[in-house]
Amino acid sequence: ACDPCRKGKRRCDRALPRCSLCVRKGAQCDYLSRRRTRQIRGEGRLATPNTLSSSSANISRPDSRVDSRRPQSISSVTPVIPVIPIPSNEAATTTAIYFIAPHIFRQAQLELPRIQPTIPADLSPFENDPSRIRNIAYTFFDSIHWWMPIISKKGFFAHLLNPLSQRRSELGLLIICMQLYCAPDLNPETGALDVSALYHNAKRLHFEMEAAGILSLRVLQAGILIALYEVGQAIYPAAYLTVGACARYGIAIGVDNLREESSSEYGNPRSLSEVDERRRAWWTILFLDRFLNISNPNRPLATKNPTFDDLLPIDDKLWDDGTAKPSDAFSISQGFSLEMGMFSRLGQATFLLSQALDLVGPDNHQSVMERNQQIAQLRRTLHALITVSNAEATARELRTCSGFCPQLSIC
């Protein structure tokens, strides 16, 4: 029976989505008690030793030479019990309208529901020593951030230090994913780095937030960090699938609009820094999508190619300092400038990589002469990008890896 009929001790016909009595009385009809019962039963089945042992036996790898940094089996991973609450009927309906009929969503001035998930205490970074969280953040921004600046340092610490932040759990998921690069947990039994457990828990929590219909830039950034980790550890085809999922998720929250100069969320205008942070997330997805297809150009991309009018990320230093102006955003068609920043160069290299993949792709039906001319032009442009990147790094004393940065590696 539904909850209202159960409480009123009435006979319920169990009709979906609302029973007849609730329809007649105009009452809200929910089956939350029934869902909780099923969830508890499902958790009991999940935690039984037989199911865990059989699962680990099926997927464990017999080869002992596999790199310990890569996830090998879930037998050493603590099962993550589903923690994301089931959205109410109204919340689920509003989210569906946002996705299926965005024009109706805007006309009705609806707002996306703020779902507040709860991360288990043994996984939540906020349950640990606050200094440990700061150490993870400082390590991340001092190492990973300089070559892949996709998370606003200023915005991150502003949310981290605000205990009343509306999206605390999403920030917690992001911190867990940052741990993959900075400070993996120690295995209490062996003392070894238990990256496998951390990776699986991050994947599971990220999946549950997606399944709950949470649409947030933080969740997308967490997915990108997972994808970058999978690429770095050569976890395939998981990396390819994760990038594709990030592309769909990014489109769902609207970060694929690279010509966006200003926007609003829940009626509140976004700052230029927030707009550029969204832009950086999409450029990273574009880069990863094409990087994974270098060895197989015949494989279809999950994203459309960028165009000449798309805006590149703002100079990294101006973005980090929060001093950027709208005029600091360059489009691809504006050519090369000596003050664009390394991540903006990565966007230019990604655009050129798109052209290179098109040249060797199955849909290219140009004549040999036309293709050779385009190859020659592309080669000249690539050399120009390499030259201007080195010149900017030298003139501005930018931090690079022995003069070698991501965009040069793509070239």
Protein backbone atom coordinates (compact mmCIF):
# COMPACT_ATOMS: atom_id res chain seq x y z
CA ALA A 1 0.00 0.00 0.00
CA CYS A 2 1.04 3.62 -0.46
CA ASP A 3 2.14 5.62 2.57
CA PRO A 4 -1.08 7.71 2.98
CA CYS A 5 -3.28 4.60 2.79
CA ARG A 6 -0.98 2.72 5.12
CA LYS A 7 -1.14 5.50 7.71
CA GLY A 8 -4.91 5.92 7.32
CA LYS A 9 -5.45 2.15 7.37
CA ARG A 10 -7.38 2.33 4.11
CA ARG A 11 -7.58 -0.27 1.38
CA CYS A 12 -5.18 0.77 -1.38
CA ASP A 13 -5.48 -0.46 -4.97
CA ARG A 14 -1.70 0.15 -5.43
CA ALA A 15 -2.22 1.92 -8.74
CA LEU A 16 0.77 3.74 -10.24
CA PRO A 17 1.81 6.47 -10.23
CA ARG A 18 -1.02 7.34 -7.78
CA CYS A 19 -3.66 5.12 -6.23
CA SER A 20 -7.36 5.86 -6.72
CA LEU A 21 -7.99 7.08 -3.16
CA CYS A 22 -5.13 9.59 -3.31
CA VAL A 23 -6.33 10.82 -6.70
CA ARG A 24 -9.84 11.26 -5.31
CA LYS A 25 -8.61 13.11 -2.22
CA GLY A 26 -6.00 15.13 -4.10
CA ALA A 27 -3.29 13.83 -1.78
CA GLN A 28 0.33 13.13 -2.61
CA CYS A 29 0.80 9.41 -3.21
CA ASP A 30 4.18 7.89 -2.34
CA TYR A 31 5.49 4.36 -1.93
CA LEU A 32 8.63 5.32 -0.02
CA SER A 33 8.17 2.70 2.72
CA ARG A 34 7.95 -0.03 0.14
CA ARG A 35 11.06 1.26 -1.61
CA ARG A 36 13.01 1.39 1.63
CA THR A 37 12.03 -2.20 2.42
CA ARG A 38 13.20 -3.37 -0.99
CA GLN A 39 16.41 -1.37 -0.67
CA ILE A 40 17.19 -2.89 2.74
CA ARG A 41 16.54 -6.38 1.40
CA GLY A 42 18.76 -5.66 -1.60
CA GLU A 43 21.54 -4.43 0.68
CA GLY A 44 21.28 -7.61 2.69
CA ARG A 45 21.75 -9.67 -0.43
CA LEU A 46 24.65 -7.46 -1.49
CA ALA A 47 26.48 -7.97 1.77
CA THR A 48 26.22 -11.75 2.00
CA PRO A 49 29.58 -13.54 1.98
CA ASN A 50 28.49 -15.91 -0.79
CA THR A 51 27.74 -13.13 -3.25
CA LEU A 52 30.94 -11.29 -2.44
CA SER A 53 33.11 -14.37 -2.77
CA SER A 54 31.49 -15.41 -6.05
CA SER A 55 31.85 -11.92 -7.48
CA SER A 56 35.50 -11.66 -6.57
CA ALA A 57 36.16 -15.12 -7.95
CA ASN A 58 34.61 -14.20 -11.28
CA ILE A 59 36.52 -10.98 -11.90
CA SER A 60 39.83 -11.53 -10.13
CA ARG A 61 42.84 -11.69 -12.40
CA PRO A 62 45.08 -14.75 -12.15
CA ASP A 63 48.09 -12.88 -13.49
CA SER A 64 50.13 -11.76 -10.49
CA ARG A 65 52.27 -9.50 -12.65
CA VAL A 66 49.51 -6.94 -13.12
CA ASP A 67 50.52 -3.47 -11.97
CA SER A 68 49.38 -2.96 -8.38
CA ARG A 69 48.33 0.59 -9.21
CA ARG A 70 45.53 -0.69 -11.41
CA PRO A 71 42.28 -2.05 -9.96
CA GLN A 72 42.51 -5.84 -9.99
CA SER A 73 39.57 -7.12 -7.98
CA ILE A 74 36.74 -5.79 -5.90
CA SER A 75 37.45 -8.38 -3.22
CA SER A 76 39.60 -5.84 -1.37
CA VAL A 77 37.12 -3.02 -1.85
CA THR A 78 34.57 -2.29 0.83
CA PRO A 79 31.15 -2.54 -0.84
CA VAL A 80 29.53 0.87 -1.09
CA ILE A 81 25.90 0.68 -0.03
CA PRO A 82 23.67 2.94 -2.14
CA VAL A 83 23.51 6.25 -0.32
CA ILE A 84 21.74 8.56 -2.74
CA PRO A 85 18.11 9.12 -1.75
CA ILE A 86 15.41 8.26 -4.24
CA PRO A 87 14.07 11.56 -5.62
CA SER A 88 10.46 12.39 -4.86
CA ASN A 89 7.88 12.29 -7.63
CA GLU A 90 7.94 16.07 -7.96
CA ALA A 91 11.74 16.21 -8.11
CA ALA A 92 11.90 13.43 -10.69
CA THR A 93 9.22 15.13 -12.80
CA THR A 94 11.00 18.50 -12.69
CA THR A 95 14.31 16.95 -13.72
CA ALA A 96 12.60 15.09 -16.57
CA ILE A 97 11.00 18.32 -17.84
CA TYR A 98 14.40 20.06 -17.72
CA PHE A 99 15.90 17.37 -19.92
CA ILE A 100 13.02 16.50 -22.26
CA ALA A 101 11.36 19.92 -22.70
CA PRO A 102 13.81 22.68 -21.72
CA HIS A 103 11.64 25.39 -23.31
CA ILE A 104 8.73 24.45 -21.02
CA PHE A 105 11.15 24.38 -18.08
CA ARG A 106 12.21 27.96 -18.83
CA GLN A 107 8.70 29.23 -19.56
CA ALA A 108 7.35 27.80 -16.31
CA GLN A 109 10.35 29.27 -14.43
CA LEU A 110 11.01 25.94 -12.79
CA GLU A 111 14.11 25.16 -10.76
CA LEU A 112 16.07 21.95 -10.59
CA PRO A 113 15.59 20.17 -7.26
CA ARG A 114 18.49 20.34 -4.86
CA ILE A 115 19.08 16.71 -3.96
CA GLN A 116 21.24 16.38 -0.88
CA PRO A 117 23.06 13.03 -1.05
CA THR A 118 24.91 11.61 1.92
CA ILE A 119 28.35 10.07 1.54
CA PRO A 120 29.07 7.27 4.06
CA ALA A 121 31.12 8.41 7.04
CA ASP A 122 33.97 6.03 6.23
CA LEU A 123 34.29 7.57 2.76
CA SER A 124 33.38 11.20 3.33
CA PRO A 125 36.48 13.40 3.43
CA PHE A 126 34.67 15.78 5.78
CA GLU A 127 34.64 13.12 8.49
CA ASN A 128 38.43 13.09 8.59
CA ASP A 129 41.01 15.56 9.83
CA PRO A 130 40.37 18.92 8.09
CA SER A 131 44.11 19.41 7.69
CA ARG A 132 44.21 16.26 5.56
CA ILE A 133 41.66 17.74 3.17
CA ARG A 134 43.71 20.91 2.89
CA ASN A 135 46.86 18.89 2.23
CA ILE A 136 45.09 17.02 -0.58
CA ALA A 137 43.85 20.28 -2.07
CA TYR A 138 47.23 22.03 -1.80
CA THR A 139 49.00 19.05 -3.36
CA PHE A 140 46.48 18.89 -6.19
CA PHE A 141 46.62 22.59 -7.02
CA ASP A 142 50.41 22.62 -6.82
CA SER A 143 50.88 19.64 -9.13
CA ILE A 144 47.94 18.59 -11.30
CA HIS A 145 46.37 22.03 -11.57
CA TRP A 146 49.22 23.70 -13.44
CA TRP A 147 48.94 21.38 -16.45
CA MET A 148 45.19 20.62 -16.27
CA PRO A 149 43.56 23.69 -14.66
CA ILE A 150 39.88 22.75 -14.77
CA ILE A 151 38.89 23.46 -11.15
CA SER A 152 38.73 27.02 -9.89
CA LYS A 153 41.11 27.23 -6.95
CA LYS A 154 39.35 30.28 -5.56
CA GLY A 155 35.88 28.76 -5.91
CA PHE A 156 36.99 25.41 -4.51
CA PHE A 157 38.35 26.84 -1.26
CA ALA A 158 35.35 29.17 -0.94
CA HIS A 159 33.02 26.16 -0.96
CA LEU A 160 35.36 24.05 1.15
CA LEU A 161 35.50 26.62 3.95
CA ASN A 162 31.74 27.19 3.89
CA PRO A 163 30.03 24.54 6.06
CA LEU A 164 26.63 25.74 4.80
CA SER A 165 27.44 25.08 1.16
CA GLN A 166 24.40 23.74 -0.68
CA ARG A 167 26.46 21.13 -2.52
CA ARG A 168 28.72 19.80 0.19
CA SER A 169 28.40 16.16 -0.86
CA GLU A 170 29.29 16.93 -4.48
CA LEU A 171 32.40 18.71 -3.24
CA GLY A 172 33.17 15.63 -1.15
CA LEU A 173 32.99 13.45 -4.26
CA LEU A 174 35.38 15.82 -6.03
CA ILE A 175 37.85 15.61 -3.13
CA ILE A 176 37.71 11.81 -3.24
CA CYS A 177 38.60 11.95 -6.95
CA MET A 178 41.41 14.42 -6.26
CA GLN A 179 42.82 11.86 -3.83
CA LEU A 180 43.49 9.54 -6.76
CA TYR A 181 46.35 11.86 -7.72
CA CYS A 182 47.50 13.17 -4.37
CA ALA A 183 47.14 11.03 -1.27
CA PRO A 184 45.67 7.55 -1.78
CA ASP A 185 44.58 5.78 1.40
CA LEU A 186 46.89 3.29 3.02
CA ASN A 187 45.75 -0.30 3.23
CA PRO A 188 45.55 -0.99 6.99
CA GLU A 189 46.64 -4.62 6.51
CA THR A 190 49.59 -4.26 4.16
CA GLY A 191 50.44 -0.59 4.45
CA ALA A 192 50.47 -0.37 0.65
CA LEU A 193 48.71 2.28 -1.36
CA ASP A 194 45.13 1.07 -1.75
CA VAL A 195 44.39 3.01 -4.93
CA SER A 196 42.15 0.22 -6.19
CA ALA A 197 39.63 0.66 -3.37
CA LEU A 198 39.70 4.43 -3.76
CA TYR A 199 39.16 4.18 -7.51
CA HIS A 200 36.22 1.78 -7.20
CA ASN A 201 34.57 3.84 -4.47
CA ALA A 202 34.96 7.02 -6.53
CA LYS A 203 33.42 5.32 -9.57
CA ARG A 204 30.51 3.97 -7.52
CA LEU A 205 29.71 7.27 -5.81
CA HIS A 206 29.94 9.12 -9.11
CA PHE A 207 27.56 6.66 -10.73
CA GLU A 208 25.04 6.97 -7.90
CA MET A 209 24.99 10.76 -8.11
CA GLU A 210 24.40 10.52 -11.85
CA ALA A 211 21.64 7.95 -11.35
CA ALA A 212 19.93 10.21 -8.80
CA GLY A 213 19.62 12.93 -11.43
CA ILE A 214 22.09 15.34 -9.81
CA LEU A 215 23.19 17.85 -12.45
CA SER A 216 26.25 19.69 -11.21
CA LEU A 217 29.57 20.95 -12.53
CA ARG A 218 31.32 19.35 -9.54
CA VAL A 219 30.00 15.92 -10.51
CA LEU A 220 31.21 16.48 -14.07
CA GLN A 221 34.65 17.55 -12.84
CA ALA A 222 34.82 14.42 -10.70
CA GLY A 223 34.03 12.33 -13.78
CA ILE A 224 36.78 14.09 -15.73
CA LEU A 225 39.31 13.37 -12.98
CA ILE A 226 38.27 9.71 -13.04
CA ALA A 227 38.72 9.66 -16.83
CA LEU A 228 42.17 11.27 -16.60
CA TYR A 229 43.18 8.70 -13.99
CA GLU A 230 41.98 5.87 -16.21
CA VAL A 231 43.92 7.27 -19.17
CA GLY A 232 47.06 7.63 -17.06
CA GLN A 233 46.77 4.09 -15.71
CA ALA A 234 45.76 2.63 -19.11
CA ILE A 235 42.46 1.31 -17.78
CA TYR A 236 40.67 0.54 -21.04
CA PRO A 237 37.98 0.54 -22.29
CA ALA A 238 36.84 2.18 -19.05
CA ALA A 239 38.60 5.44 -19.98
CA TYR A 240 36.85 5.57 -23.35
CA LEU A 241 33.45 4.86 -21.78
CA THR A 242 33.97 7.40 -18.99
CA VAL A 243 34.85 10.16 -21.45
CA GLY A 244 31.72 9.37 -23.46
CA ALA A 245 29.61 9.53 -20.29
CA CYS A 246 31.21 12.86 -19.35
CA ALA A 247 30.37 14.21 -22.81
CA ARG A 248 26.69 13.31 -22.42
CA TYR A 249 26.62 14.68 -18.87
CA GLY A 250 28.28 17.92 -19.99
CA ILE A 251 25.69 18.37 -22.72
CA ALA A 252 22.95 17.74 -20.16
CA ILE A 253 24.16 20.60 -17.95
CA GLY A 254 24.92 22.88 -20.91
CA VAL A 255 28.69 23.26 -20.69
CA ASP A 256 29.04 22.40 -24.39
CA ASN A 257 28.17 25.97 -25.36
CA LEU A 258 31.67 27.35 -25.95
CA ARG A 259 30.32 30.71 -27.10
CA GLU A 260 28.71 31.38 -23.74
CA GLU A 261 29.91 34.65 -22.24
CA SER A 262 27.43 34.87 -19.38
CA SER A 263 24.72 32.66 -17.97
CA SER A 264 22.64 32.11 -14.87
CA GLU A 265 21.77 29.26 -12.54
CA TYR A 266 18.51 29.24 -10.58
CA GLY A 267 18.07 32.89 -11.54
CA ASN A 268 21.50 33.90 -10.17
CA PRO A 269 24.01 35.17 -12.75
CA ARG A 270 27.27 33.27 -12.98
CA SER A 271 30.54 35.12 -12.65
CA LEU A 272 33.06 35.19 -15.48
CA SER A 273 35.23 32.78 -13.50
CA GLU A 274 32.37 30.29 -13.21
CA VAL A 275 31.57 30.57 -16.92
CA ASP A 276 35.21 29.93 -17.79
CA GLU A 277 35.32 26.97 -15.40
CA ARG A 278 32.45 25.39 -17.31
CA ARG A 279 34.22 26.15 -20.58
CA ARG A 280 37.40 24.47 -19.34
CA ALA A 281 35.48 21.33 -18.43
CA TRP A 282 34.16 21.02 -21.97
CA TRP A 283 37.55 21.70 -23.59
CA THR A 284 39.01 18.91 -21.45
CA ILE A 285 36.31 16.53 -22.67
CA LEU A 286 36.99 17.57 -26.28
CA PHE A 287 40.69 16.92 -25.76
CA LEU A 288 40.24 13.50 -24.13
CA ASP A 289 37.68 12.41 -26.71
CA ARG A 290 40.14 13.08 -29.54
CA PHE A 291 43.22 11.88 -27.69
CA LEU A 292 41.63 8.45 -27.21
CA ASN A 293 40.89 8.26 -30.95
CA ILE A 294 44.41 9.00 -32.20
CA SER A 295 45.19 5.32 -32.67
CA ASN A 296 41.79 4.58 -34.23
CA PRO A 297 40.39 7.55 -36.20
CA ASN A 298 37.61 5.35 -37.56
CA ARG A 299 35.97 5.26 -34.15
CA PRO A 300 33.20 7.89 -33.87
CA LEU A 301 33.68 10.78 -31.49
CA ALA A 302 31.29 11.52 -28.65
CA THR A 303 31.51 15.28 -29.24
CA LYS A 304 31.24 17.67 -32.15
CA ASN A 305 34.35 19.36 -33.47
CA PRO A 306 34.99 22.89 -32.15
CA THR A 307 34.52 25.75 -34.60
CA PHE A 308 36.43 28.97 -35.33
CA ASP A 309 33.94 31.06 -33.34
CA ASP A 310 34.20 29.00 -30.15
CA LEU A 311 35.81 30.74 -27.20
CA LEU A 312 39.01 29.42 -25.70
CA PRO A 313 39.68 29.40 -21.94
CA ILE A 314 40.91 32.64 -20.42
CA ASP A 315 44.57 33.01 -19.47
CA ASP A 316 45.25 30.66 -16.54
CA LYS A 317 46.85 33.30 -14.32
CA LEU A 318 44.02 35.79 -14.77
CA TRP A 319 41.47 33.05 -14.11
CA ASP A 320 43.19 31.85 -10.94
CA ASP A 321 43.56 35.41 -9.65
CA GLY A 322 39.95 36.28 -10.44
CA THR A 323 41.02 39.38 -12.38
CA ALA A 324 39.89 38.30 -15.86
CA LYS A 325 37.64 40.47 -18.02
CA PRO A 326 35.28 39.37 -20.82
CA SER A 327 37.71 40.86 -23.34
CA ASP A 328 40.36 38.38 -22.18
CA ALA A 329 38.50 35.49 -23.84
CA PHE A 330 39.86 34.75 -27.32
CA SER A 331 38.11 32.77 -30.02
CA ILE A 332 39.95 30.26 -32.17
CA SER A 333 39.66 32.54 -35.21
CA GLN A 334 41.51 35.39 -33.48
CA GLY A 335 44.83 33.73 -34.16
CA PHE A 336 47.81 33.49 -31.86
CA SER A 337 48.56 35.89 -29.04
CA LEU A 338 51.51 35.90 -26.68
CA GLU A 339 49.27 36.05 -23.61
CA MET A 340 46.75 33.24 -23.78
CA GLY A 341 47.95 30.71 -21.22
CA MET A 342 48.87 27.06 -21.49
CA PHE A 343 45.34 25.69 -21.23
CA SER A 344 44.14 27.99 -23.99
CA ARG A 345 46.99 26.59 -26.10
CA LEU A 346 45.68 23.13 -25.29
CA GLY A 347 42.34 24.22 -26.75
CA GLN A 348 44.07 25.37 -29.93
CA ALA A 349 45.95 22.08 -30.17
CA THR A 350 42.69 20.17 -29.66
CA PHE A 351 41.14 22.11 -32.54
CA LEU A 352 44.08 21.21 -34.79
CA LEU A 353 43.89 17.59 -33.64
CA SER A 354 40.24 17.56 -34.74
CA GLN A 355 41.32 18.65 -38.20
CA ALA A 356 44.04 16.00 -38.31
CA LEU A 357 41.57 13.25 -37.37
CA ASP A 358 39.17 14.48 -40.05
CA LEU A 359 41.93 14.24 -42.65
CA VAL A 360 42.56 10.56 -41.94
CA GLY A 361 38.99 9.66 -41.00
CA PRO A 362 36.62 7.52 -43.08
CA ASP A 363 34.38 10.48 -44.00
CA ASN A 364 37.10 12.39 -45.83
CA HIS A 365 36.43 12.15 -49.58
CA GLN A 366 38.83 14.84 -50.78
CA SER A 367 41.09 14.29 -53.73
CA VAL A 368 44.75 13.53 -53.12
CA MET A 369 45.74 17.05 -54.17
CA GLU A 370 43.22 18.72 -51.87
CA ARG A 371 44.24 16.52 -48.97
CA ASN A 372 47.94 17.23 -49.48
CA GLN A 373 47.27 20.96 -49.55
CA GLN A 374 45.31 20.74 -46.32
CA ILE A 375 48.03 18.62 -44.71
CA ALA A 376 50.66 21.20 -45.66
CA GLN A 377 48.57 24.02 -44.20
CA LEU A 378 47.93 22.04 -41.03
CA ARG A 379 51.65 21.33 -40.66
CA ARG A 380 52.47 25.05 -40.92
CA THR A 381 49.82 25.86 -38.31
CA LEU A 382 51.15 23.21 -35.95
CA HIS A 383 54.68 24.57 -36.22
CA ALA A 384 53.34 28.07 -35.56
CA LEU A 385 51.58 26.84 -32.41
CA ILE A 386 54.76 25.17 -31.17
CA THR A 387 56.77 28.34 -31.79
CA VAL A 388 54.33 30.69 -30.09
CA SER A 389 53.87 28.30 -27.14
CA ASN A 390 57.60 28.20 -26.50
CA ALA A 391 57.85 31.96 -26.93
CA GLU A 392 55.05 32.60 -24.42
CA ALA A 393 56.50 30.14 -21.91
CA THR A 394 59.88 31.86 -22.12
CA ALA A 395 58.59 35.44 -22.08
CA ARG A 396 56.16 34.93 -19.20
CA GLU A 397 58.32 32.40 -17.34
CA LEU A 398 55.43 29.96 -17.30
CA ARG A 399 55.82 26.67 -15.51
CA THR A 400 56.38 23.87 -18.00
CA CYS A 401 57.81 20.38 -17.86
CA SER A 402 61.28 21.02 -19.33
CA GLY A 403 59.71 23.16 -22.04
CA PHE A 404 57.28 20.37 -22.89
CA CYS A 405 53.59 20.95 -22.19
CA PRO A 406 50.38 19.11 -23.10
CA GLN A 407 49.65 21.06 -26.27
CA LEU A 408 53.15 20.43 -27.61
CA SER A 409 52.78 16.72 -26.94
CA ILE A 410 49.56 16.71 -28.99
CA CYS A 411 51.33 18.50 -31.84
